[in-house]
Amino acid sequence: MAISNGSFCSKLLVDAVQSVVPMKPTDPRESTRVVVSGSRSSTFFGMCFHIVMCYNKASDEDSGWVAAGWIKESLGRALSEQPLLAGRLRRHNDKGDEDLQIVSNDSGARLVEARIDMNLTDFLDSKAKKDAETKFVFWEDILDQNPEFCPLFYVQVTNFKCGGYTIGISSSLLLADPFVTTSFLKKWADVHKSLVLKADMPRMPTFYLPNLQSSAGETPSLLMDSKASKIVAQSVIFNIPTKISNLDSNNYHNLAALCIDEAEHIVGTKMASNFSLYVKKPDEDVEIEFCSKEGLIRKPISNMNEFTCANSWDVLGADEICFNERNKAAYVSCWINSIFDEGSVMIVGSDNEYTSGTKIIVIFNAQK
């Protein structure tokens, strides 16, 4: 069956949009400061990380509607452990400067439930699936003037007519880097499985949309259009040896320059002349700086040959994310959306049960 991205536009229908808040109020509130240097660094605010996970129907009771119903509850429990994902950006002060904060104000993540009039196998077998994946994640751009109204984390569950479904994740890169996002998804999936397997849980979730729709009569689909982009940024991921992971600000520019040079050699293309440098270590502020590639000073690092790198998101282990122990993902795709005319370098530190150490992600701009 030939499938084009355009045919997906007419077949995908959004049936419900909900906010999912932490199960218990966040007190005290957490916050992370976003420090911006250079006005053009604001373009980084439009960048996000997407994951699409495809699941076949595992049993008569399994469907996207059932999964979404349990997600409403399991995500709320998981957000209680990482409440910033349910938070919002706000201005750091009233002076109108560039600095922002991400505050765990319990405004909530967005849960979108949708359906599509086709079988999952038709999508998986399609040569056009890479271009069509954007239909299975939802994203709204962060508003420059009113960022406090914009969710930073989205979940979209899409039902196929065969009973298969996709779970799509969109997360602002201001909120979390791909490694932090994937680690959260693995923890959340464990919470989800534990919740569903509890002996005293009902067979069907409380938030089962078909039941709610039938009690309310026929309800029209919502007129909503995702702003998710399938302009994929080429990325190269470097893993930094633990013994040199204790970096200070004087090393960031040098490491960025050296990794850009190596990444250009790996992918065979050039980074944009200007790029955003994003630095975030565990429990520290996010720092974003607008840099000129040509202005960076390169100092050799003796153990640069100990860096390992990959240009595939397989290093995240996203294929291990399973919301049902009997149902492994049939297909997983990850990407960062690209910003024209500007590349990015992310220097991030991770310290959790799934990943540790410092990662440097070189993100190339899209070519016009």
Protein backbone atom coordinates (compact mmCIF):
# COMPACT_ATOMS: atom_id res chain seq x y z
CA MET A 1 0.00 0.00 0.00
CA ALA A 2 1.56 3.29 -1.08
CA ILE A 3 1.44 5.90 1.68
CA SER A 4 2.41 9.53 1.42
CA ASN A 5 2.77 12.04 4.24
CA GLY A 6 -0.13 13.97 2.73
CA SER A 7 -2.50 11.00 3.05
CA PHE A 8 -1.80 10.89 6.79
CA CYS A 9 -3.00 14.48 7.12
CA SER A 10 -6.54 13.55 6.09
CA LYS A 11 -6.70 10.26 8.02
CA LEU A 12 -5.46 11.29 11.48
CA LEU A 13 -8.18 12.54 13.84
CA VAL A 14 -7.63 13.93 17.35
CA ASP A 15 -10.36 12.79 19.76
CA ALA A 16 -9.21 14.18 23.11
CA VAL A 17 -6.59 16.42 24.73
CA GLN A 18 -6.00 16.30 28.47
CA SER A 19 -3.52 17.70 30.95
CA VAL A 20 -1.76 15.20 33.21
CA VAL A 21 -0.51 16.68 36.48
CA PRO A 22 1.62 15.06 39.20
CA MET A 23 -0.42 12.76 41.43
CA LYS A 24 0.42 14.90 44.45
CA PRO A 25 1.12 18.65 44.66
CA THR A 26 4.80 19.52 44.28
CA ASP A 27 6.01 21.09 47.52
CA PRO A 28 8.49 22.62 47.64
CA ARG A 29 8.52 23.63 44.00
CA GLU A 30 11.62 22.87 41.99
CA SER A 31 13.12 25.23 39.45
CA THR A 32 15.92 25.36 36.91
CA ARG A 33 17.26 28.65 35.64
CA VAL A 34 17.80 29.07 31.89
CA VAL A 35 20.64 31.55 31.37
CA VAL A 36 20.89 32.92 27.83
CA SER A 37 23.90 34.72 26.35
CA GLY A 38 23.37 36.20 22.90
CA SER A 39 19.97 37.12 21.47
CA ARG A 40 19.95 34.52 18.68
CA SER A 41 20.21 31.71 21.20
CA SER A 42 16.44 32.05 21.59
CA THR A 43 16.14 29.87 18.46
CA PHE A 44 17.10 26.95 20.72
CA PHE A 45 13.69 27.38 22.36
CA GLY A 46 12.08 25.89 19.25
CA MET A 47 14.05 22.64 19.41
CA CYS A 48 12.61 19.44 20.81
CA PHE A 49 13.29 15.73 20.97
CA HIS A 50 10.75 13.24 19.58
CA ILE A 51 10.28 9.50 20.08
CA VAL A 52 7.69 7.33 18.29
CA MET A 53 7.13 3.79 19.64
CA CYS A 54 4.86 1.40 17.69
CA TYR A 55 3.06 -1.49 19.38
CA ASN A 56 1.01 -4.33 17.92
CA LYS A 57 -2.20 -5.40 19.67
CA ALA A 58 -1.05 -7.84 22.36
CA SER A 59 -4.43 -9.21 23.52
CA ASP A 60 -8.18 -8.70 23.23
CA GLU A 61 -7.99 -6.20 26.10
CA ASP A 62 -5.04 -4.30 24.62
CA SER A 63 -5.48 -1.11 22.56
CA GLY A 64 -4.28 2.45 22.40
CA TRP A 65 -7.46 3.57 24.17
CA VAL A 66 -6.66 1.25 27.09
CA ALA A 67 -3.00 2.31 27.12
CA ALA A 68 -3.95 6.01 27.13
CA GLY A 69 -6.40 5.44 29.98
CA TRP A 70 -3.72 3.89 32.14
CA ILE A 71 -1.22 6.54 31.01
CA LYS A 72 -3.44 9.21 32.52
CA GLU A 73 -2.81 7.56 35.89
CA SER A 74 0.73 6.20 35.51
CA LEU A 75 2.15 9.41 34.07
CA GLY A 76 0.74 11.37 37.01
CA ARG A 77 2.59 9.04 39.38
CA ALA A 78 5.85 9.29 37.40
CA LEU A 79 5.62 13.09 37.22
CA SER A 80 5.49 13.21 41.02
CA GLU A 81 9.09 11.95 40.95
CA GLN A 82 10.18 14.36 38.20
CA PRO A 83 7.76 17.32 38.46
CA LEU A 84 9.72 19.72 36.23
CA LEU A 85 8.34 17.79 33.24
CA ALA A 86 4.90 19.05 34.24
CA GLY A 87 6.17 22.60 34.72
CA ARG A 88 6.39 25.75 32.62
CA LEU A 89 8.86 28.40 31.58
CA ARG A 90 8.55 31.80 33.19
CA ARG A 91 10.54 35.03 33.13
CA HIS A 92 13.26 35.06 35.77
CA ASN A 93 12.37 38.64 36.72
CA ASP A 94 10.21 41.54 35.58
CA LYS A 95 12.94 43.35 33.67
CA GLY A 96 12.20 41.64 30.37
CA ASP A 97 15.67 40.07 30.10
CA GLU A 98 16.43 36.84 28.29
CA ASP A 99 16.81 34.67 31.40
CA LEU A 100 14.01 32.23 32.18
CA GLN A 101 13.16 29.61 34.76
CA ILE A 102 11.52 26.24 34.38
CA VAL A 103 9.26 25.92 37.43
CA SER A 104 7.48 22.79 38.67
CA ASN A 105 4.12 24.55 39.01
CA ASP A 106 2.09 21.38 38.24
CA SER A 107 0.51 22.88 35.12
CA GLY A 108 0.85 19.45 33.55
CA ALA A 109 2.05 17.51 30.55
CA ARG A 110 -0.32 17.17 27.56
CA LEU A 111 -1.90 13.84 26.62
CA VAL A 112 -3.37 13.66 23.10
CA GLU A 113 -5.56 10.73 22.00
CA ALA A 114 -5.96 10.23 18.26
CA ARG A 115 -6.99 7.60 15.70
CA ILE A 116 -6.11 6.84 12.13
CA ASP A 117 -8.04 4.86 9.52
CA MET A 118 -5.33 2.39 8.54
CA ASN A 119 -3.54 -0.69 9.85
CA LEU A 120 -0.27 -0.42 11.72
CA THR A 121 1.37 -2.92 9.35
CA ASP A 122 0.61 -0.62 6.41
CA PHE A 123 2.52 2.14 8.14
CA LEU A 124 5.43 -0.09 9.18
CA ASP A 125 5.75 -1.55 5.66
CA SER A 126 5.61 1.85 3.98
CA LYS A 127 8.75 3.32 2.42
CA ALA A 128 7.36 6.75 3.40
CA LYS A 129 7.09 6.05 7.14
CA LYS A 130 10.12 8.19 8.02
CA ASP A 131 8.41 11.24 6.52
CA ALA A 132 5.06 10.39 8.11
CA GLU A 133 6.27 9.80 11.69
CA THR A 134 5.66 13.42 12.63
CA LYS A 135 1.90 12.68 12.62
CA PHE A 136 2.34 10.48 15.68
CA VAL A 137 3.88 13.12 17.94
CA PHE A 138 2.27 16.37 19.04
CA TRP A 139 4.10 19.64 19.57
CA GLU A 140 3.21 23.32 19.93
CA ASP A 141 5.99 25.89 19.65
CA ILE A 142 6.88 27.80 22.82
CA LEU A 143 5.60 31.37 22.59
CA ASP A 144 8.33 33.98 22.97
CA GLN A 145 6.02 36.49 24.65
CA ASN A 146 4.03 34.12 26.86
CA PRO A 147 6.10 30.97 27.47
CA GLU A 148 4.32 30.34 30.77
CA PHE A 149 1.26 29.04 28.90
CA CYS A 150 3.13 26.44 26.84
CA PRO A 151 3.56 22.78 27.84
CA LEU A 152 7.07 21.43 27.55
CA PHE A 153 6.22 17.71 27.45
CA TYR A 154 3.64 15.98 25.21
CA VAL A 155 2.39 12.41 24.87
CA GLN A 156 0.31 11.31 21.87
CA VAL A 157 -1.38 7.90 21.71
CA THR A 158 -2.64 7.03 18.21
CA ASN A 159 -5.01 4.11 17.58
CA PHE A 160 -4.87 2.16 14.32
CA LYS A 161 -7.96 0.33 13.09
CA CYS A 162 -6.23 -3.07 13.56
CA GLY A 163 -5.88 -2.42 17.29
CA GLY A 164 -2.20 -1.51 17.12
CA TYR A 165 -1.11 1.87 18.40
CA THR A 166 1.77 4.30 18.73
CA ILE A 167 3.00 6.25 21.75
CA GLY A 168 4.74 9.44 20.70
CA ILE A 169 6.77 11.71 22.99
CA SER A 170 7.80 15.32 22.41
CA SER A 171 10.04 17.06 24.95
CA SER A 172 11.59 20.52 24.81
CA LEU A 173 15.39 20.40 24.83
CA LEU A 174 15.26 23.21 27.39
CA LEU A 175 13.46 20.80 29.71
CA ALA A 176 15.57 17.69 29.22
CA ASP A 177 18.22 16.32 26.90
CA PRO A 178 17.52 13.05 25.03
CA PHE A 179 19.27 10.95 27.68
CA VAL A 180 17.26 12.43 30.56
CA THR A 181 14.03 12.10 28.56
CA THR A 182 14.69 8.44 27.74
CA SER A 183 15.65 7.66 31.34
CA PHE A 184 12.36 9.19 32.50
CA LEU A 185 10.42 7.12 29.95
CA LYS A 186 12.01 3.91 31.23
CA LYS A 187 11.10 4.76 34.82
CA TRP A 188 7.60 5.77 33.79
CA ALA A 189 7.13 2.51 31.84
CA ASP A 190 8.06 0.58 34.99
CA VAL A 191 5.50 2.58 37.00
CA HIS A 192 2.91 1.91 34.29
CA LYS A 193 3.48 -1.86 34.30
CA SER A 194 3.37 -2.03 38.10
CA LEU A 195 0.09 -0.10 38.15
CA VAL A 196 -1.63 -2.25 35.52
CA LEU A 197 -0.50 -5.52 37.13
CA LYS A 198 -1.87 -4.68 40.59
CA ALA A 199 -4.31 -7.38 41.65
CA ASP A 200 -6.95 -4.95 42.87
CA MET A 201 -6.98 -2.78 39.72
CA PRO A 202 -10.10 -2.85 37.50
CA ARG A 203 -9.85 -4.52 34.09
CA MET A 204 -10.44 -1.22 32.30
CA PRO A 205 -8.97 2.17 33.28
CA THR A 206 -11.21 4.94 34.57
CA PHE A 207 -10.17 7.25 31.74
CA TYR A 208 -11.22 4.92 28.90
CA LEU A 209 -12.24 7.32 26.14
CA PRO A 210 -14.67 5.08 24.16
CA ASN A 211 -16.82 4.67 27.30
CA LEU A 212 -16.75 8.40 28.00
CA GLN A 213 -17.68 9.16 24.38
CA SER A 214 -20.57 6.69 24.33
CA SER A 215 -22.08 8.17 27.48
CA ALA A 216 -21.86 11.66 25.99
CA GLY A 217 -23.18 10.64 22.57
CA GLU A 218 -21.41 11.20 19.28
CA THR A 219 -18.59 13.72 19.73
CA PRO A 220 -16.75 15.42 16.86
CA SER A 221 -13.00 15.14 16.45
CA LEU A 222 -10.95 18.15 17.49
CA LEU A 223 -9.51 20.54 14.93
CA MET A 224 -5.90 20.55 16.06
CA ASP A 225 -2.71 20.62 14.06
CA SER A 226 0.63 19.59 15.51
CA LYS A 227 3.65 21.79 14.80
CA ALA A 228 6.01 18.80 15.00
CA SER A 229 8.66 18.97 12.29
CA LYS A 230 10.22 16.09 10.37
CA ILE A 231 13.13 18.26 9.30
CA VAL A 232 15.57 15.99 11.10
CA ALA A 233 18.84 17.33 12.42
CA GLN A 234 21.82 15.07 11.85
CA SER A 235 23.37 14.37 15.24
CA VAL A 236 26.59 12.83 16.51
CA ILE A 237 26.75 11.75 20.14
CA PHE A 238 30.07 11.66 22.03
CA ASN A 239 30.55 9.84 25.33
CA ILE A 240 33.23 11.46 27.51
CA PRO A 241 35.42 9.22 29.72
CA THR A 242 34.57 9.54 33.41
CA LYS A 243 38.07 10.67 34.34
CA ILE A 244 37.70 13.89 32.36
CA SER A 245 33.99 14.39 32.99
CA ASN A 246 34.58 17.01 35.69
CA LEU A 247 34.52 19.92 33.28
CA ASP A 248 34.55 23.63 34.03
CA SER A 249 33.35 26.49 31.85
CA ASN A 250 36.84 27.05 30.43
CA ASN A 251 36.70 23.63 28.76
CA TYR A 252 33.26 23.91 27.16
CA HIS A 253 34.25 25.94 24.10
CA ASN A 254 37.30 23.80 23.45
CA LEU A 255 35.38 20.54 23.75
CA ALA A 256 32.61 21.91 21.51
CA ALA A 257 35.17 22.89 18.86
CA LEU A 258 36.96 19.52 18.93
CA CYS A 259 33.70 17.55 18.79
CA ILE A 260 32.37 19.72 15.93
CA ASP A 261 35.53 18.98 13.93
CA GLU A 262 35.20 15.25 14.55
CA ALA A 263 31.45 15.23 13.84
CA GLU A 264 31.97 17.07 10.54
CA HIS A 265 34.41 14.33 9.52
CA ILE A 266 31.96 11.58 10.52
CA VAL A 267 28.87 12.88 8.70
CA GLY A 268 30.70 14.57 5.82
CA THR A 269 29.03 17.95 6.19
CA LYS A 270 29.86 21.28 7.79
CA MET A 271 28.34 22.80 10.90
CA ALA A 272 26.76 26.23 10.49
CA SER A 273 29.04 29.20 11.14
CA ASN A 274 26.94 30.10 14.18
CA PHE A 275 25.61 27.66 16.74
CA SER A 276 23.95 27.50 20.14
CA LEU A 277 25.99 25.95 22.93
CA TYR A 278 23.80 24.29 25.57
CA VAL A 279 25.41 23.22 28.86
CA LYS A 280 23.55 21.35 31.62
CA LYS A 281 25.01 19.24 34.41
CA PRO A 282 22.84 17.38 36.95
CA ASP A 283 21.12 19.75 39.42
CA GLU A 284 22.58 22.84 37.74
CA ASP A 285 21.25 25.72 35.64
CA VAL A 286 20.84 25.46 31.88
CA GLU A 287 23.29 27.76 30.11
CA ILE A 288 22.76 28.69 26.45
CA GLU A 289 25.30 30.75 24.56
CA PHE A 290 25.38 31.89 20.95
CA CYS A 291 28.82 31.11 19.50
CA SER A 292 30.77 31.56 16.30
CA LYS A 293 32.47 28.38 15.12
CA GLU A 294 35.36 30.30 13.61
CA GLY A 295 35.98 32.17 16.87
CA LEU A 296 36.61 29.05 18.95
CA ILE A 297 40.13 28.28 20.12
CA ARG A 298 41.08 24.62 19.74
CA LYS A 299 43.49 23.10 22.24
CA PRO A 300 44.36 19.41 21.78
CA ILE A 301 43.19 16.99 24.47
CA SER A 302 45.64 14.14 25.09
CA ASN A 303 42.99 11.46 25.57
CA MET A 304 40.59 12.58 22.85
CA ASN A 305 41.06 9.10 21.36
CA GLU A 306 39.21 7.69 24.39
CA PHE A 307 36.01 9.46 23.40
CA THR A 308 33.42 7.13 21.88
CA CYS A 309 30.85 8.39 19.43
CA ALA A 310 27.78 7.33 17.47
CA ASN A 311 25.56 8.97 14.88
CA SER A 312 22.52 6.87 15.75
CA TRP A 313 20.04 7.33 18.58
CA ASP A 314 20.26 3.58 19.26
CA VAL A 315 22.63 4.54 22.10
CA LEU A 316 19.60 5.72 24.08
CA GLY A 317 18.15 2.21 24.35
CA ALA A 318 14.67 3.52 23.53
CA ASP A 319 13.76 0.13 22.07
CA GLU A 320 13.81 -1.19 25.66
CA ILE A 321 10.85 1.02 26.66
CA CYS A 322 7.89 -1.30 27.19
CA PHE A 323 4.55 -0.33 28.75
CA ASN A 324 3.29 -3.92 28.60
CA GLU A 325 5.58 -6.81 29.49
CA ARG A 326 3.94 -8.95 26.81
CA ASN A 327 4.29 -6.32 24.11
CA LYS A 328 7.69 -5.12 22.94
CA ALA A 329 7.83 -2.21 20.52
CA ALA A 330 7.64 -3.30 16.88
CA TYR A 331 9.37 -0.12 15.75
CA VAL A 332 11.03 2.88 17.43
CA SER A 333 12.20 6.15 15.90
CA CYS A 334 13.93 9.13 17.56
CA TRP A 335 14.92 12.53 16.19
CA ILE A 336 15.66 16.14 17.07
CA ASN A 337 13.92 18.72 14.92
CA SER A 338 16.27 21.02 13.02
CA ILE A 339 16.57 24.81 13.02
CA PHE A 340 17.57 26.39 9.71
CA ASP A 341 20.89 28.27 9.59
CA GLU A 342 21.97 27.35 13.11
CA GLY A 343 23.52 24.22 14.55
CA SER A 344 23.75 23.33 18.22
CA VAL A 345 26.08 21.60 20.64
CA MET A 346 24.71 20.10 23.85
CA ILE A 347 27.06 19.30 26.74
CA VAL A 348 25.04 17.36 29.27
CA GLY A 349 25.82 15.39 32.40
CA SER A 350 23.77 12.37 33.43
CA ASP A 351 23.73 10.57 36.73
CA ASN A 352 20.99 7.95 37.05
CA GLU A 353 20.49 4.20 36.95
CA TYR A 354 20.31 4.14 33.16
CA THR A 355 23.16 6.42 32.07
CA SER A 356 26.04 8.34 33.63
CA GLY A 357 28.92 10.56 32.63
CA THR A 358 29.07 13.48 30.23
CA LYS A 359 27.64 13.42 26.73
CA ILE A 360 28.29 15.92 23.93
CA ILE A 361 25.68 16.03 21.18
CA VAL A 362 26.60 17.87 17.99
CA ILE A 363 23.42 18.84 16.11
CA PHE A 364 23.77 19.98 12.51
CA ASN A 365 21.42 22.52 10.97
CA ALA A 366 19.07 21.63 8.11
CA GLN A 367 20.23 22.59 4.65
CA LYS A 368 17.92 24.86 2.65
